[in-house]
Amino acid sequence: MIKNGRHKIIRDIIENNNIETQFQLTDELKKHGFNVTQATVSRDIKEMGLIKIAYGENAFRYSFPVGMMAGNVYERAKRMFRDNIQKIEGSENIIVVKTLPGVAQAVASCIDGLGWKELLGCVAGDDTIIIAIRERDSLNELCRRLQELCI
């Protein structure tokens, strides 16, 4: 949960500040109570898929790719599922995913980010996600694919 919280703060920092270096990001995280090293920040940047974009003459800052979910979507979803999923069950055209408390919305965002055409969308609470699927015939296959993310 510490990493998830740190990633949320990194997102906020990146969206609201011109962060040019890993050291600047490390300092900002320390201001938010995260005692991290530059190596940890480097891993976070890679996991979140941050890129550097120009924001002035010869100036570059960290950002998220435009129109894309941060990071390698599938790998991030696998990590989130392995760390946070407790149960996956389906019925008709609904899949219910039980998570650890407080992470359902982050996991639902990962599911939405997968872009699977069979998924209509997710609604998440604190520890439960409801996934609407297009065709009930794809229920078992989707449940299997979601279960594979937990491995």
N, C-alpha and C. Protein backbone atom coordinates (compact mmCIF):
# COMPACT_ATOMS: atom_id res chain seq x y z
N MET A 1 0.82 -1.19 0.00
CA MET A 1 0.00 0.00 0.00
C MET A 1 0.87 1.26 0.00
N ILE A 2 2.08 1.19 0.54
CA ILE A 2 2.95 2.36 0.57
C ILE A 2 3.27 2.79 -0.86
N LYS A 3 3.58 1.81 -1.73
CA LYS A 3 3.92 2.14 -3.12
C LYS A 3 2.73 2.79 -3.81
N ASN A 4 1.52 2.24 -3.60
CA ASN A 4 0.34 2.82 -4.24
C ASN A 4 0.13 4.26 -3.79
N GLY A 5 0.30 4.51 -2.50
CA GLY A 5 0.17 5.87 -1.99
C GLY A 5 1.23 6.79 -2.56
N ARG A 6 2.45 6.29 -2.66
CA ARG A 6 3.55 7.07 -3.22
C ARG A 6 3.28 7.39 -4.69
N HIS A 7 2.78 6.42 -5.43
CA HIS A 7 2.47 6.64 -6.85
C HIS A 7 1.38 7.69 -7.01
N LYS A 8 0.40 7.69 -6.12
CA LYS A 8 -0.64 8.71 -6.17
C LYS A 8 -0.05 10.10 -5.93
N ILE A 9 0.84 10.21 -4.96
CA ILE A 9 1.49 11.50 -4.67
C ILE A 9 2.38 11.91 -5.84
N ILE A 10 3.09 10.96 -6.43
CA ILE A 10 3.93 11.28 -7.59
C ILE A 10 3.06 11.84 -8.71
N ARG A 11 1.91 11.20 -8.94
CA ARG A 11 0.99 11.70 -9.98
C ARG A 11 0.61 13.14 -9.68
N ASP A 12 0.24 13.42 -8.44
CA ASP A 12 -0.14 14.79 -8.06
C ASP A 12 1.02 15.76 -8.25
N ILE A 13 2.21 15.35 -7.83
CA ILE A 13 3.39 16.22 -7.96
C ILE A 13 3.67 16.51 -9.43
N ILE A 14 3.67 15.46 -10.26
CA ILE A 14 3.98 15.62 -11.69
C ILE A 14 2.93 16.49 -12.38
N GLU A 15 1.67 16.32 -12.00
CA GLU A 15 0.61 17.10 -12.65
C GLU A 15 0.61 18.56 -12.23
N ASN A 16 1.18 18.88 -11.06
CA ASN A 16 1.10 20.24 -10.54
C ASN A 16 2.42 20.99 -10.47
N ASN A 17 3.52 20.35 -10.86
CA ASN A 17 4.84 20.98 -10.79
C ASN A 17 5.66 20.62 -12.02
N ASN A 18 6.61 21.45 -12.32
CA ASN A 18 7.56 21.15 -13.39
C ASN A 18 8.76 20.44 -12.76
N ILE A 19 8.70 19.13 -12.73
CA ILE A 19 9.76 18.32 -12.15
C ILE A 19 10.69 17.89 -13.27
N GLU A 20 11.93 18.35 -13.19
CA GLU A 20 12.89 18.10 -14.26
C GLU A 20 13.80 16.91 -13.99
N THR A 21 14.04 16.59 -12.71
CA THR A 21 15.00 15.53 -12.38
C THR A 21 14.43 14.58 -11.34
N GLN A 22 15.05 13.41 -11.28
CA GLN A 22 14.68 12.45 -10.25
C GLN A 22 14.97 13.02 -8.86
N PHE A 23 16.01 13.79 -8.74
CA PHE A 23 16.36 14.37 -7.44
C PHE A 23 15.30 15.37 -6.99
N GLN A 24 14.76 16.15 -7.91
CA GLN A 24 13.66 17.06 -7.56
C GLN A 24 12.45 16.28 -7.08
N LEU A 25 12.14 15.19 -7.77
CA LEU A 25 10.99 14.38 -7.38
C LEU A 25 11.24 13.74 -6.02
N THR A 26 12.46 13.28 -5.77
CA THR A 26 12.82 12.72 -4.47
C THR A 26 12.59 13.74 -3.37
N ASP A 27 13.03 14.98 -3.59
CA ASP A 27 12.84 16.05 -2.60
C ASP A 27 11.37 16.33 -2.36
N GLU A 28 10.57 16.36 -3.43
CA GLU A 28 9.13 16.62 -3.28
C GLU A 28 8.46 15.49 -2.49
N LEU A 29 8.86 14.26 -2.77
CA LEU A 29 8.29 13.14 -2.02
C LEU A 29 8.64 13.21 -0.54
N LYS A 30 9.86 13.64 -0.25
CA LYS A 30 10.27 13.79 1.15
C LYS A 30 9.42 14.85 1.84
N LYS A 31 9.06 15.91 1.13
CA LYS A 31 8.18 16.94 1.69
C LYS A 31 6.80 16.38 2.02
N HIS A 32 6.42 15.31 1.31
CA HIS A 32 5.13 14.66 1.53
C HIS A 32 5.24 13.48 2.50
N GLY A 33 6.39 13.33 3.14
CA GLY A 33 6.55 12.30 4.15
C GLY A 33 7.07 10.96 3.67
N PHE A 34 7.51 10.88 2.42
CA PHE A 34 8.05 9.63 1.89
C PHE A 34 9.57 9.71 1.91
N ASN A 35 10.20 8.91 2.74
CA ASN A 35 11.65 8.88 2.83
C ASN A 35 12.17 7.89 1.80
N VAL A 36 12.39 8.38 0.58
CA VAL A 36 12.78 7.52 -0.54
C VAL A 36 14.16 7.90 -1.06
N THR A 37 14.76 6.95 -1.76
CA THR A 37 16.05 7.21 -2.40
C THR A 37 15.82 7.51 -3.88
N GLN A 38 16.84 7.99 -4.52
CA GLN A 38 16.76 8.26 -5.95
C GLN A 38 16.51 6.97 -6.71
N ALA A 39 17.06 5.85 -6.23
CA ALA A 39 16.86 4.55 -6.89
C ALA A 39 15.39 4.15 -6.85
N THR A 40 14.73 4.39 -5.73
CA THR A 40 13.29 4.08 -5.61
C THR A 40 12.50 4.95 -6.57
N VAL A 41 12.84 6.22 -6.63
CA VAL A 41 12.14 7.14 -7.54
C VAL A 41 12.37 6.71 -8.98
N SER A 42 13.57 6.27 -9.30
CA SER A 42 13.86 5.80 -10.66
C SER A 42 12.96 4.61 -11.02
N ARG A 43 12.79 3.67 -10.09
CA ARG A 43 11.90 2.52 -10.33
C ARG A 43 10.45 2.98 -10.49
N ASP A 44 10.03 3.93 -9.64
CA ASP A 44 8.66 4.44 -9.73
C ASP A 44 8.41 5.09 -11.09
N ILE A 45 9.37 5.86 -11.56
CA ILE A 45 9.25 6.53 -12.86
C ILE A 45 9.06 5.49 -13.96
N LYS A 46 9.85 4.42 -13.90
CA LYS A 46 9.75 3.36 -14.91
C LYS A 46 8.40 2.65 -14.81
N GLU A 47 7.99 2.28 -13.59
CA GLU A 47 6.72 1.57 -13.40
C GLU A 47 5.52 2.41 -13.83
N MET A 48 5.59 3.71 -13.59
CA MET A 48 4.47 4.59 -13.92
C MET A 48 4.50 5.04 -15.37
N GLY A 49 5.59 4.76 -16.07
CA GLY A 49 5.69 5.10 -17.48
C GLY A 49 5.86 6.59 -17.74
N LEU A 50 6.46 7.30 -16.77
CA LEU A 50 6.66 8.74 -16.97
C LEU A 50 7.63 8.99 -18.11
N ILE A 51 7.37 10.07 -18.81
CA ILE A 51 8.25 10.48 -19.90
C ILE A 51 8.66 11.93 -19.66
N LYS A 52 9.67 12.39 -20.38
CA LYS A 52 10.07 13.79 -20.29
C LYS A 52 9.52 14.51 -21.52
N ILE A 53 8.91 15.67 -21.26
CA ILE A 53 8.37 16.49 -22.35
C ILE A 53 8.95 17.89 -22.24
N ALA A 54 9.02 18.57 -23.38
CA ALA A 54 9.50 19.95 -23.39
C ALA A 54 8.42 20.86 -22.82
N TYR A 55 8.84 21.83 -21.99
CA TYR A 55 7.88 22.81 -21.49
C TYR A 55 8.42 24.23 -21.60
N GLY A 56 9.52 24.38 -22.23
CA GLY A 56 10.12 25.68 -22.46
C GLY A 56 11.34 25.48 -23.33
N GLU A 57 12.04 26.56 -23.57
CA GLU A 57 13.24 26.46 -24.39
C GLU A 57 14.32 25.72 -23.62
N ASN A 58 14.72 24.56 -24.14
CA ASN A 58 15.72 23.71 -23.51
C ASN A 58 15.34 23.27 -22.10
N ALA A 59 14.05 23.17 -21.82
CA ALA A 59 13.59 22.71 -20.51
C ALA A 59 12.68 21.50 -20.70
N PHE A 60 12.88 20.50 -19.88
CA PHE A 60 12.10 19.27 -19.95
C PHE A 60 11.61 18.91 -18.56
N ARG A 61 10.40 18.32 -18.50
CA ARG A 61 9.84 17.89 -17.22
C ARG A 61 9.19 16.53 -17.39
N TYR A 62 9.00 15.87 -16.26
CA TYR A 62 8.32 14.58 -16.29
C TYR A 62 6.83 14.77 -16.53
N SER A 63 6.24 13.82 -17.26
CA SER A 63 4.82 13.87 -17.57
C SER A 63 4.34 12.44 -17.86
N PHE A 64 3.03 12.30 -18.00
CA PHE A 64 2.45 11.05 -18.44
C PHE A 64 2.23 11.13 -19.94
N PRO A 65 2.35 10.01 -20.66
CA PRO A 65 2.07 10.03 -22.10
C PRO A 65 0.64 10.52 -22.34
N VAL A 66 0.47 11.40 -23.29
CA VAL A 66 -0.84 11.95 -23.60
C VAL A 66 -1.75 10.85 -24.12
N GLY A 67 -2.95 10.78 -23.56
CA GLY A 67 -3.95 9.83 -24.01
C GLY A 67 -3.67 8.39 -23.65
N MET A 68 -2.70 8.18 -22.77
CA MET A 68 -2.37 6.81 -22.38
C MET A 68 -2.35 6.70 -20.87
N MET A 69 -2.69 5.53 -20.39
CA MET A 69 -2.54 5.26 -18.98
C MET A 69 -1.06 5.13 -18.69
N ALA A 70 -0.64 5.57 -17.53
CA ALA A 70 0.77 5.54 -17.18
C ALA A 70 1.32 4.12 -17.14
N GLY A 71 2.51 3.95 -17.67
CA GLY A 71 3.23 2.70 -17.55
C GLY A 71 2.76 1.62 -18.49
N ASN A 72 3.36 0.49 -18.35
CA ASN A 72 2.95 -0.67 -19.11
C ASN A 72 1.66 -1.16 -18.49
N VAL A 73 0.55 -0.96 -19.15
CA VAL A 73 -0.78 -1.19 -18.61
C VAL A 73 -0.94 -2.63 -18.12
N TYR A 74 -0.55 -3.58 -18.92
CA TYR A 74 -0.74 -4.98 -18.54
C TYR A 74 0.12 -5.35 -17.34
N GLU A 75 1.36 -4.94 -17.33
CA GLU A 75 2.25 -5.25 -16.21
C GLU A 75 1.77 -4.56 -14.93
N ARG A 76 1.29 -3.33 -15.05
CA ARG A 76 0.76 -2.62 -13.88
C ARG A 76 -0.47 -3.35 -13.36
N ALA A 77 -1.34 -3.79 -14.25
CA ALA A 77 -2.54 -4.52 -13.83
C ALA A 77 -2.14 -5.83 -13.14
N LYS A 78 -1.16 -6.54 -13.68
CA LYS A 78 -0.71 -7.78 -13.03
C LYS A 78 -0.21 -7.50 -11.62
N ARG A 79 0.57 -6.46 -11.47
CA ARG A 79 1.12 -6.11 -10.15
C ARG A 79 -0.01 -5.77 -9.18
N MET A 80 -0.97 -4.97 -9.66
CA MET A 80 -2.10 -4.57 -8.82
C MET A 80 -2.93 -5.80 -8.44
N PHE A 81 -3.17 -6.69 -9.38
CA PHE A 81 -3.96 -7.88 -9.10
C PHE A 81 -3.25 -8.79 -8.11
N ARG A 82 -1.96 -9.05 -8.36
CA ARG A 82 -1.21 -9.94 -7.45
C ARG A 82 -1.22 -9.40 -6.03
N ASP A 83 -1.09 -8.10 -5.88
CA ASP A 83 -0.97 -7.49 -4.56
C ASP A 83 -2.30 -7.25 -3.86
N ASN A 84 -3.40 -7.14 -4.60
CA ASN A 84 -4.62 -6.61 -4.00
C ASN A 84 -5.91 -7.39 -4.19
N ILE A 85 -5.93 -8.38 -5.08
CA ILE A 85 -7.18 -9.08 -5.38
C ILE A 85 -7.39 -10.24 -4.41
N GLN A 86 -8.62 -10.34 -3.90
CA GLN A 86 -8.96 -11.44 -3.01
C GLN A 86 -9.87 -12.45 -3.68
N LYS A 87 -10.77 -11.99 -4.57
CA LYS A 87 -11.74 -12.90 -5.16
C LYS A 87 -12.29 -12.31 -6.46
N ILE A 88 -12.56 -13.17 -7.44
CA ILE A 88 -13.19 -12.76 -8.69
C ILE A 88 -14.32 -13.74 -8.97
N GLU A 89 -15.54 -13.21 -9.18
CA GLU A 89 -16.69 -14.05 -9.47
C GLU A 89 -17.54 -13.37 -10.54
N GLY A 90 -18.19 -14.19 -11.36
CA GLY A 90 -19.04 -13.64 -12.41
C GLY A 90 -20.42 -14.24 -12.41
N SER A 91 -21.38 -13.47 -12.93
CA SER A 91 -22.75 -13.93 -13.10
C SER A 91 -23.40 -13.11 -14.21
N GLU A 92 -23.99 -13.82 -15.18
CA GLU A 92 -24.64 -13.15 -16.31
C GLU A 92 -23.65 -12.25 -17.04
N ASN A 93 -23.83 -10.92 -16.96
CA ASN A 93 -22.89 -10.01 -17.63
C ASN A 93 -22.20 -9.09 -16.63
N ILE A 94 -22.03 -9.59 -15.40
CA ILE A 94 -21.37 -8.81 -14.34
C ILE A 94 -20.25 -9.65 -13.74
N ILE A 95 -19.11 -9.01 -13.52
CA ILE A 95 -18.01 -9.64 -12.78
C ILE A 95 -17.80 -8.80 -11.53
N VAL A 96 -17.70 -9.46 -10.39
CA VAL A 96 -17.44 -8.77 -9.13
C VAL A 96 -16.03 -9.14 -8.67
N VAL A 97 -15.24 -8.12 -8.40
CA VAL A 97 -13.87 -8.32 -7.96
C VAL A 97 -13.77 -7.75 -6.55
N LYS A 98 -13.33 -8.59 -5.60
CA LYS A 98 -13.10 -8.15 -4.22
C LYS A 98 -11.62 -7.86 -4.06
N THR A 99 -11.32 -6.69 -3.48
CA THR A 99 -9.94 -6.27 -3.27
C THR A 99 -9.67 -6.06 -1.79
N LEU A 100 -8.43 -5.78 -1.48
CA LEU A 100 -8.10 -5.32 -0.14
C LEU A 100 -8.76 -3.96 0.06
N PRO A 101 -9.04 -3.57 1.29
CA PRO A 101 -9.68 -2.27 1.52
C PRO A 101 -8.85 -1.11 0.96
N GLY A 102 -9.55 -0.18 0.33
CA GLY A 102 -8.93 1.06 -0.12
C GLY A 102 -8.29 1.05 -1.49
N VAL A 103 -8.28 -0.08 -2.18
CA VAL A 103 -7.58 -0.13 -3.47
C VAL A 103 -8.47 -0.44 -4.67
N ALA A 104 -9.76 -0.60 -4.44
CA ALA A 104 -10.65 -0.99 -5.54
C ALA A 104 -10.61 0.01 -6.69
N GLN A 105 -10.58 1.30 -6.39
CA GLN A 105 -10.59 2.29 -7.46
C GLN A 105 -9.32 2.23 -8.30
N ALA A 106 -8.19 2.02 -7.67
CA ALA A 106 -6.93 1.91 -8.42
C ALA A 106 -6.94 0.66 -9.30
N VAL A 107 -7.45 -0.45 -8.77
CA VAL A 107 -7.52 -1.68 -9.55
C VAL A 107 -8.51 -1.51 -10.71
N ALA A 108 -9.64 -0.86 -10.46
CA ALA A 108 -10.63 -0.63 -11.52
C ALA A 108 -10.02 0.22 -12.63
N SER A 109 -9.22 1.19 -12.26
CA SER A 109 -8.55 2.02 -13.27
C SER A 109 -7.63 1.16 -14.14
N CYS A 110 -6.94 0.23 -13.52
CA CYS A 110 -6.09 -0.70 -14.28
C CYS A 110 -6.92 -1.55 -15.23
N ILE A 111 -8.07 -2.04 -14.74
CA ILE A 111 -8.93 -2.86 -15.58
C ILE A 111 -9.43 -2.05 -16.78
N ASP A 112 -9.91 -0.84 -16.52
CA ASP A 112 -10.36 0.02 -17.61
C ASP A 112 -9.23 0.28 -18.60
N GLY A 113 -8.02 0.46 -18.08
CA GLY A 113 -6.86 0.76 -18.91
C GLY A 113 -6.44 -0.39 -19.81
N LEU A 114 -6.88 -1.61 -19.49
CA LEU A 114 -6.53 -2.75 -20.34
C LEU A 114 -7.12 -2.61 -21.74
N GLY A 115 -8.26 -1.90 -21.83
CA GLY A 115 -8.88 -1.67 -23.12
C GLY A 115 -9.48 -2.91 -23.77
N TRP A 116 -9.83 -3.90 -22.96
CA TRP A 116 -10.44 -5.11 -23.52
C TRP A 116 -11.81 -4.76 -24.06
N LYS A 117 -12.04 -5.09 -25.32
CA LYS A 117 -13.28 -4.70 -26.00
C LYS A 117 -14.53 -5.33 -25.37
N GLU A 118 -14.36 -6.43 -24.67
CA GLU A 118 -15.50 -7.10 -24.04
C GLU A 118 -16.02 -6.36 -22.80
N LEU A 119 -15.20 -5.45 -22.26
CA LEU A 119 -15.56 -4.74 -21.04
C LEU A 119 -16.29 -3.44 -21.37
N LEU A 120 -17.42 -3.22 -20.71
CA LEU A 120 -18.12 -1.94 -20.85
C LEU A 120 -17.56 -0.90 -19.90
N GLY A 121 -17.21 -1.32 -18.70
CA GLY A 121 -16.64 -0.41 -17.73
C GLY A 121 -16.73 -0.96 -16.33
N CYS A 122 -16.12 -0.22 -15.40
CA CYS A 122 -16.04 -0.63 -14.00
C CYS A 122 -16.62 0.45 -13.10
N VAL A 123 -17.19 0.00 -11.98
CA VAL A 123 -17.61 0.88 -10.90
C VAL A 123 -16.94 0.34 -9.66
N ALA A 124 -16.25 1.21 -8.92
CA ALA A 124 -15.49 0.74 -7.77
C ALA A 124 -15.88 1.49 -6.51
N GLY A 125 -15.92 0.75 -5.43
CA GLY A 125 -16.08 1.33 -4.11
C GLY A 125 -14.76 1.25 -3.38
N ASP A 126 -14.80 0.93 -2.11
CA ASP A 126 -13.59 0.83 -1.30
C ASP A 126 -12.87 -0.49 -1.54
N ASP A 127 -13.62 -1.59 -1.55
CA ASP A 127 -13.00 -2.90 -1.69
C ASP A 127 -13.74 -3.82 -2.68
N THR A 128 -14.61 -3.24 -3.49
CA THR A 128 -15.37 -4.03 -4.45
C THR A 128 -15.46 -3.31 -5.79
N ILE A 129 -15.30 -4.08 -6.86
CA ILE A 129 -15.41 -3.56 -8.22
C ILE A 129 -16.51 -4.36 -8.92
N ILE A 130 -17.38 -3.65 -9.61
CA ILE A 130 -18.37 -4.29 -10.46
C ILE A 130 -17.99 -3.96 -11.90
N ILE A 131 -17.81 -5.02 -12.69
CA ILE A 131 -17.43 -4.87 -14.09
C ILE A 131 -18.61 -5.29 -14.95
N ALA A 132 -19.05 -4.42 -15.82
CA ALA A 132 -20.11 -4.76 -16.79
C ALA A 132 -19.43 -5.23 -18.07
N ILE A 133 -19.92 -6.36 -18.59
CA ILE A 133 -19.35 -6.89 -19.83
C ILE A 133 -20.41 -6.87 -20.93
N ARG A 134 -19.95 -6.81 -22.16
CA ARG A 134 -20.85 -6.68 -23.31
C ARG A 134 -21.73 -7.92 -23.52
N GLU A 135 -21.12 -9.08 -23.55
CA GLU A 135 -21.83 -10.31 -23.89
C GLU A 135 -21.63 -11.33 -22.77
N ARG A 136 -22.72 -11.91 -22.30
CA ARG A 136 -22.58 -12.90 -21.23
C ARG A 136 -21.81 -14.13 -21.69
N ASP A 137 -21.75 -14.37 -23.01
CA ASP A 137 -20.98 -15.51 -23.53
C ASP A 137 -19.49 -15.36 -23.24
N SER A 138 -19.02 -14.15 -23.02
CA SER A 138 -17.59 -13.94 -22.76
C SER A 138 -17.26 -13.93 -21.27
N LEU A 139 -18.25 -14.16 -20.41
CA LEU A 139 -18.05 -14.09 -18.96
C LEU A 139 -16.94 -15.02 -18.47
N ASN A 140 -17.01 -16.29 -18.82
CA ASN A 140 -16.01 -17.25 -18.32
C ASN A 140 -14.61 -16.92 -18.81
N GLU A 141 -14.50 -16.54 -20.08
CA GLU A 141 -13.19 -16.17 -20.64
C GLU A 141 -12.63 -14.94 -19.93
N LEU A 142 -13.46 -13.93 -19.70
CA LEU A 142 -12.98 -12.73 -19.01
C LEU A 142 -12.58 -13.03 -17.58
N CYS A 143 -13.36 -13.84 -16.88
CA CYS A 143 -12.99 -14.22 -15.51
C CYS A 143 -11.64 -14.94 -15.51
N ARG A 144 -11.44 -15.82 -16.49
CA ARG A 144 -10.16 -16.53 -16.60
C ARG A 144 -9.01 -15.56 -16.84
N ARG A 145 -9.21 -14.60 -17.75
CA ARG A 145 -8.14 -13.62 -18.05
C ARG A 145 -7.84 -12.75 -16.84
N LEU A 146 -8.87 -12.36 -16.10
CA LEU A 146 -8.66 -11.57 -14.88
C LEU A 146 -7.92 -12.40 -13.83
N GLN A 147 -8.29 -13.68 -13.71
CA GLN A 147 -7.59 -14.57 -12.76
C GLN A 147 -6.11 -14.71 -13.13
N GLU A 148 -5.83 -14.76 -14.42
CA GLU A 148 -4.43 -14.88 -14.88
C GLU A 148 -3.59 -13.67 -14.44
N LEU A 149 -4.21 -12.54 -14.31
CA LEU A 149 -3.48 -11.36 -13.85
C LEU A 149 -3.01 -11.52 -12.41
N CYS A 150 -3.66 -12.39 -11.65
CA CYS A 150 -3.30 -12.61 -10.25
C CYS A 150 -2.07 -13.50 -10.10
N ILE A 151 -1.67 -14.15 -11.17
CA ILE A 151 -0.56 -15.12 -11.10
C ILE A 151 0.76 -14.43 -11.33
